[in-house]
């Protein structure tokens, strides 16, 4: 999703949207924690708390870099889980109170639902099945698929733009930064929705490490891009293909390119671009982008 994709102008665009995964949790350290504690109550470990403190300093440095003479503000959105709320609490220690214009608990950016209490042996079999079935469409028994998470993240994005347009108390001259404290899969799905990545491309994306963050920043052409802040090497490590990275760089530079042509080629590589039957080809492409 680019900031121009809704066919209606927004009053203002944040300079950055930053996605961060929670710190190390008791469940990350020992999967058996889920057999006795509901997922949403799983706490951070001591290392997870320290990771969150460090991440707060790192994010604050990104936002308040020495070359930034403008006034900057932050608004946080956080999953309602214990580990994400605790992560936010530690991140928040790095931000002066006057810089924070809002904090909102947002249920739609919660973790993928794996069911209720998770029996270790059963979950191992289920996750093995997911790898064979496909991570995006596989639905956990009594839980969700990544596709289900995609649907609620899509709904959240609509609300996010309404907040930015009408609800957040900021001056348009400020550099507004949106920070979303969430979970690994949810953050990958957020990026997939925003940048229109396919279900096949999702399968190659690597999960965020604990307290690892991604910076989506406005580029010169008015598009959000990962390539403004992050290197090609980083994006490769995350599972982005060469075409996906090139798309990010075009978004960052505002280069005039055949938009989404790399995306269309994945569907229409069998078509002869020099075909005399141009009308047929044009109609096929029109159906795809409509």
Protein backbone atom coordinates (compact mmCIF):
# COMPACT_ATOMS: atom_id res chain seq x y z
CA UNK A 1 0.00 0.00 0.00
CA UNK A 2 1.42 3.36 -0.96
CA UNK A 3 0.18 6.57 0.56
CA UNK A 4 -1.60 7.42 -2.71
CA UNK A 5 -3.46 4.14 -3.12
CA UNK A 6 -6.77 5.00 -1.50
CA UNK A 7 -7.90 7.35 -4.33
CA UNK A 8 -8.51 10.11 -1.84
CA UNK A 9 -5.95 12.63 -0.55
CA UNK A 10 -4.86 12.59 3.05
CA UNK A 11 -4.26 15.85 4.84
CA UNK A 12 -0.84 14.83 6.08
CA UNK A 13 1.59 11.94 6.03
CA UNK A 14 3.76 10.85 8.96
CA UNK A 15 7.45 10.95 8.20
CA UNK A 16 7.93 7.41 9.46
CA UNK A 17 5.93 4.33 10.36
CA UNK A 18 8.07 2.02 12.50
CA UNK A 19 7.16 -1.60 13.18
CA UNK A 20 8.80 -3.35 16.13
CA UNK A 21 8.41 -6.84 17.52
CA UNK A 22 8.21 -7.36 21.29
CA UNK A 23 11.25 -8.34 23.33
CA UNK A 24 12.15 -11.89 24.26
CA UNK A 25 9.26 -13.54 26.10
CA UNK A 26 9.00 -16.55 28.38
CA UNK A 27 7.40 -18.36 25.43
CA UNK A 28 10.34 -17.59 23.16
CA UNK A 29 12.66 -19.03 25.80
CA UNK A 30 10.56 -22.10 26.60
CA UNK A 31 7.65 -23.20 24.41
CA UNK A 32 6.13 -25.16 27.29
CA UNK A 33 5.08 -21.83 28.86
CA UNK A 34 2.05 -21.86 26.54
CA UNK A 35 0.73 -25.06 28.12
CA UNK A 36 -0.02 -23.32 31.42
CA UNK A 37 -0.25 -19.60 30.54
CA UNK A 38 -2.55 -18.04 27.95
CA UNK A 39 -0.62 -16.54 25.05
CA UNK A 40 -1.74 -12.99 25.84
CA UNK A 41 -0.39 -13.28 29.40
CA UNK A 42 3.10 -14.51 28.48
CA UNK A 43 5.57 -11.99 30.05
CA UNK A 44 8.94 -10.69 28.91
CA UNK A 45 12.13 -12.20 30.24
CA UNK A 46 14.80 -10.05 31.86
CA UNK A 47 16.67 -10.10 28.55
CA UNK A 48 13.47 -9.04 26.80
CA UNK A 49 13.15 -6.02 29.07
CA UNK A 50 16.73 -5.02 28.32
CA UNK A 51 16.17 -5.51 24.59
CA UNK A 52 13.18 -3.16 24.75
CA UNK A 53 15.15 -0.49 26.60
CA UNK A 54 17.90 -0.64 23.98
CA UNK A 55 15.40 -0.58 21.11
CA UNK A 56 13.79 2.52 22.60
CA UNK A 57 17.12 4.34 22.52
CA UNK A 58 17.81 3.17 18.96
CA UNK A 59 14.40 4.26 17.67
CA UNK A 60 14.67 7.61 19.43
CA UNK A 61 18.07 8.12 17.76
CA UNK A 62 16.53 7.38 14.34
CA UNK A 63 13.75 9.89 14.90
CA UNK A 64 15.80 12.65 16.57
CA UNK A 65 18.95 12.46 14.45
CA UNK A 66 21.23 15.49 14.71
CA UNK A 67 20.34 16.69 11.23
CA UNK A 68 16.65 16.91 12.08
CA UNK A 69 15.94 20.49 13.10
CA UNK A 70 12.16 20.10 12.89
CA UNK A 71 9.92 19.44 15.84
CA UNK A 72 9.13 15.73 16.06
CA UNK A 73 6.37 13.80 17.75
CA UNK A 74 5.53 10.13 18.24
CA UNK A 75 2.31 8.19 18.53
CA UNK A 76 2.31 4.57 19.68
CA UNK A 77 -0.03 1.72 18.79
CA UNK A 78 0.38 -1.45 20.83
CA UNK A 79 -0.97 -4.99 20.81
CA UNK A 80 -2.93 -5.79 24.01
CA UNK A 81 -0.64 -8.71 24.95
CA UNK A 82 1.42 -8.53 28.13
CA UNK A 83 4.74 -8.84 26.27
CA UNK A 84 3.97 -6.02 23.84
CA UNK A 85 2.65 -3.70 26.54
CA UNK A 86 5.78 -4.35 28.61
CA UNK A 87 7.94 -3.73 25.55
CA UNK A 88 6.21 -0.40 24.99
CA UNK A 89 6.72 0.55 28.64
CA UNK A 90 10.48 0.08 28.30
CA UNK A 91 10.67 1.74 24.87
CA UNK A 92 8.78 4.72 26.24
CA UNK A 93 11.52 5.48 28.78
CA UNK A 94 13.62 6.91 25.91
CA UNK A 95 11.01 9.46 24.85
CA UNK A 96 10.36 12.81 26.60
CA UNK A 97 6.71 13.09 27.61
CA UNK A 98 6.25 16.23 25.50
CA UNK A 99 7.15 14.26 22.38
CA UNK A 100 4.43 11.61 22.84
CA UNK A 101 1.06 12.72 21.47
CA UNK A 102 -0.77 9.46 21.95
CA UNK A 103 -0.74 5.79 22.94
CA UNK A 104 -3.47 3.47 21.76
CA UNK A 105 -4.02 -0.19 22.51
CA UNK A 106 -5.02 -1.80 19.23
CA UNK A 107 -6.43 -5.33 19.32
CA UNK A 108 -6.13 -5.79 15.55
CA UNK A 109 -2.31 -5.85 15.70
CA UNK A 110 -2.27 -8.71 18.24
CA UNK A 111 -0.45 -12.00 17.69
CA UNK A 112 -1.78 -14.64 15.32
CA UNK A 113 -4.23 -16.78 17.28
CA UNK A 114 -2.81 -20.30 17.66
CA UNK A 115 -5.74 -21.60 19.74
CA UNK A 116 -6.03 -21.48 23.49
CA UNK A 117 -3.56 -23.39 25.69
CA UNK A 118 -0.91 -24.87 23.41
CA UNK A 119 0.25 -28.43 24.08
CA UNK A 120 3.91 -28.64 23.08
CA UNK A 121 3.84 -31.99 21.28
CA UNK A 122 0.64 -31.17 19.42
CA UNK A 123 1.92 -27.75 18.33
CA UNK A 124 5.11 -29.30 16.95
CA UNK A 125 3.02 -31.54 14.67
CA UNK A 126 0.73 -28.66 13.70
CA UNK A 127 3.64 -26.37 12.79
CA UNK A 128 5.22 -29.12 10.73
CA UNK A 129 1.94 -29.45 8.85
CA UNK A 130 1.88 -25.69 8.31
CA UNK A 131 5.29 -25.83 6.63
CA UNK A 132 3.98 -28.41 4.16
CA UNK A 133 0.66 -26.61 3.60
CA UNK A 134 2.02 -23.05 3.36
CA UNK A 135 2.43 -20.47 6.12
CA UNK A 136 0.06 -17.86 4.72
CA UNK A 137 -3.09 -19.93 4.22
CA UNK A 138 -2.69 -22.57 6.94
CA UNK A 139 -5.24 -22.03 9.71
CA UNK A 140 -4.40 -23.30 13.15
CA UNK A 141 -7.12 -25.50 14.68
CA UNK A 142 -9.31 -23.19 16.80
CA UNK A 143 -7.06 -20.32 15.67
CA UNK A 144 -6.14 -18.14 12.69
CA UNK A 145 -4.22 -18.27 9.46
CA UNK A 146 -1.88 -15.49 8.37
CA UNK A 147 -4.59 -14.66 5.82
CA UNK A 148 -6.99 -14.03 8.72
CA UNK A 149 -4.42 -11.71 10.29
CA UNK A 150 -4.12 -9.93 6.93
CA UNK A 151 -7.85 -9.14 7.05
CA UNK A 152 -7.73 -7.51 10.47
CA UNK A 153 -4.51 -5.63 9.67
CA UNK A 154 -6.27 -4.25 6.57
CA UNK A 155 -9.06 -2.97 8.79
CA UNK A 156 -6.54 -1.41 11.18
CA UNK A 157 -4.87 0.49 8.32
CA UNK A 158 -8.16 2.18 7.49
CA UNK A 159 -8.51 3.30 11.11
CA UNK A 160 -4.88 4.42 11.20
CA UNK A 161 -5.44 6.83 8.31
CA UNK A 162 -8.58 8.21 9.98
CA UNK A 163 -6.55 8.82 13.14
CA UNK A 164 -3.85 10.61 11.17
CA UNK A 165 -6.36 12.71 9.23
CA UNK A 166 -8.71 13.75 12.01
CA UNK A 167 -7.87 12.50 15.49
CA UNK A 168 -4.23 12.91 16.39
CA UNK A 169 -3.29 16.21 18.09
CA UNK A 170 -0.26 17.35 16.10
CA UNK A 171 0.89 20.35 14.07
CA UNK A 172 1.34 19.57 10.35
CA UNK A 173 4.76 21.22 10.58
CA UNK A 174 5.86 18.48 12.99
CA UNK A 175 7.64 15.31 11.92
CA UNK A 176 5.09 12.74 13.05
CA UNK A 177 6.31 9.20 13.70
CA UNK A 178 3.95 6.25 14.14
CA UNK A 179 5.42 3.37 16.16
CA UNK A 180 3.54 0.04 16.16
CA UNK A 181 4.60 -2.41 18.89
CA UNK A 182 3.37 -5.77 17.72
CA UNK A 183 4.42 -9.32 16.84
CA UNK A 184 6.58 -10.93 14.18
CA UNK A 185 3.94 -12.38 11.88
CA UNK A 186 1.58 -9.44 12.29
CA UNK A 187 4.34 -7.04 11.29
CA UNK A 188 5.22 -9.10 8.22
CA UNK A 189 1.56 -9.11 7.21
CA UNK A 190 1.43 -5.33 7.72
CA UNK A 191 4.32 -4.90 5.27
CA UNK A 192 2.74 -7.37 2.86
CA UNK A 193 -0.52 -5.41 2.83
CA UNK A 194 1.19 -2.02 2.55
CA UNK A 195 3.54 -2.89 -0.30
CA UNK A 196 1.13 -5.26 -2.08
CA UNK A 197 3.38 -8.27 -1.75
CA UNK A 198 1.88 -11.56 -2.89
CA UNK A 199 1.05 -14.62 -0.81
CA UNK A 200 3.94 -16.40 -2.51
CA UNK A 201 6.37 -13.62 -1.56
CA UNK A 202 5.15 -13.77 2.03
CA UNK A 203 6.35 -17.38 2.26
CA UNK A 204 9.96 -16.21 1.84
CA UNK A 205 9.85 -13.46 4.46
CA UNK A 206 11.84 -14.07 7.63
CA UNK A 207 10.40 -13.24 11.02
CA UNK A 208 11.58 -10.21 12.99
CA UNK A 209 14.00 -10.96 15.80
CA UNK A 210 12.93 -9.86 19.26
CA UNK A 211 12.88 -6.05 19.41
CA UNK A 212 14.04 -5.81 15.81
CA UNK A 213 12.32 -2.98 13.96
CA UNK A 214 11.62 -1.88 10.39
CA UNK A 215 11.51 1.80 9.40
CA UNK A 216 9.09 2.78 6.63
CA UNK A 217 10.08 6.35 5.77
CA UNK A 218 8.80 8.84 3.22
CA UNK A 219 11.06 9.05 0.21
CA UNK A 220 11.63 11.95 -2.17
CA UNK A 221 8.68 10.91 -4.33
CA UNK A 222 6.19 10.88 -1.46
CA UNK A 223 6.11 7.08 -1.13
CA UNK A 224 6.95 5.09 1.98
CA UNK A 225 9.93 2.82 1.56
CA UNK A 226 12.14 0.51 3.59
CA UNK A 227 15.10 1.56 1.44
CA UNK A 228 15.34 5.08 2.91
CA UNK A 229 16.67 3.78 6.22
CA UNK A 230 17.65 0.17 5.52
CA UNK A 231 20.34 -1.27 3.24
CA UNK A 232 19.98 -3.77 0.41
CA UNK A 233 21.79 -6.33 2.56
CA UNK A 234 19.30 -5.94 5.39
CA UNK A 235 16.34 -6.34 3.07
CA UNK A 236 17.91 -9.44 1.51
CA UNK A 237 18.27 -10.94 4.97
CA UNK A 238 14.57 -10.32 5.58
CA UNK A 239 13.65 -12.38 2.52
CA UNK A 240 12.95 -9.64 -0.03
CA UNK A 241 13.73 -10.63 -3.61
CA UNK A 242 15.79 -8.46 -5.96
CA UNK A 243 12.60 -7.20 -7.60
CA UNK A 244 11.09 -6.30 -4.24
CA UNK A 245 14.24 -4.43 -3.21
CA UNK A 246 14.31 -2.53 -6.51
CA UNK A 247 10.69 -1.56 -5.93
CA UNK A 248 11.63 -0.20 -2.48
CA UNK A 249 14.47 1.82 -3.99
CA UNK A 250 12.15 3.29 -6.64
CA UNK A 251 9.72 4.28 -3.89
CA UNK A 252 12.55 5.91 -1.96
CA UNK A 253 13.91 7.93 -4.87
CA UNK A 254 10.66 8.84 -6.57
CA UNK A 255 12.07 7.46 -9.83
CA UNK A 256 9.68 7.36 -12.75
CA UNK A 257 9.13 3.66 -13.34
CA UNK A 258 6.51 1.42 -14.83
CA UNK A 259 4.67 1.02 -11.53
CA UNK A 260 4.08 -2.54 -10.38
CA UNK A 261 5.35 -3.93 -13.70
CA UNK A 262 7.50 -6.43 -11.80
CA UNK A 263 4.31 -7.54 -10.03
CA UNK A 264 2.35 -7.95 -13.25
CA UNK A 265 5.14 -9.91 -14.90
CA UNK A 266 4.61 -12.63 -12.31
CA UNK A 267 1.12 -13.17 -13.71
CA UNK A 268 1.61 -12.38 -17.39
CA UNK A 269 5.08 -13.68 -18.21
CA UNK A 270 3.49 -15.84 -20.90
CA UNK A 271 2.21 -12.82 -22.82
CA UNK A 272 4.08 -11.48 -25.82
CA UNK A 273 4.48 -7.74 -25.24
CA UNK A 274 4.98 -7.26 -28.99
CA UNK A 275 1.76 -9.07 -29.80
CA UNK A 276 -0.40 -7.46 -32.45
CA UNK A 277 -3.43 -8.24 -30.35
CA UNK A 278 -2.76 -5.32 -28.03
CA UNK A 279 -6.39 -4.87 -27.03
CA UNK A 280 -6.57 -8.36 -25.53
CA UNK A 281 -3.41 -7.76 -23.51
CA UNK A 282 -4.59 -4.37 -22.29
CA UNK A 283 -7.90 -5.83 -21.14
CA UNK A 284 -6.08 -8.57 -19.19
CA UNK A 285 -3.92 -6.03 -17.37
CA UNK A 286 -6.89 -3.74 -16.70
CA UNK A 287 -8.68 -6.58 -14.91
CA UNK A 288 -5.64 -7.15 -12.68
CA UNK A 289 -5.15 -3.59 -11.49
CA UNK A 290 -8.82 -2.71 -11.07
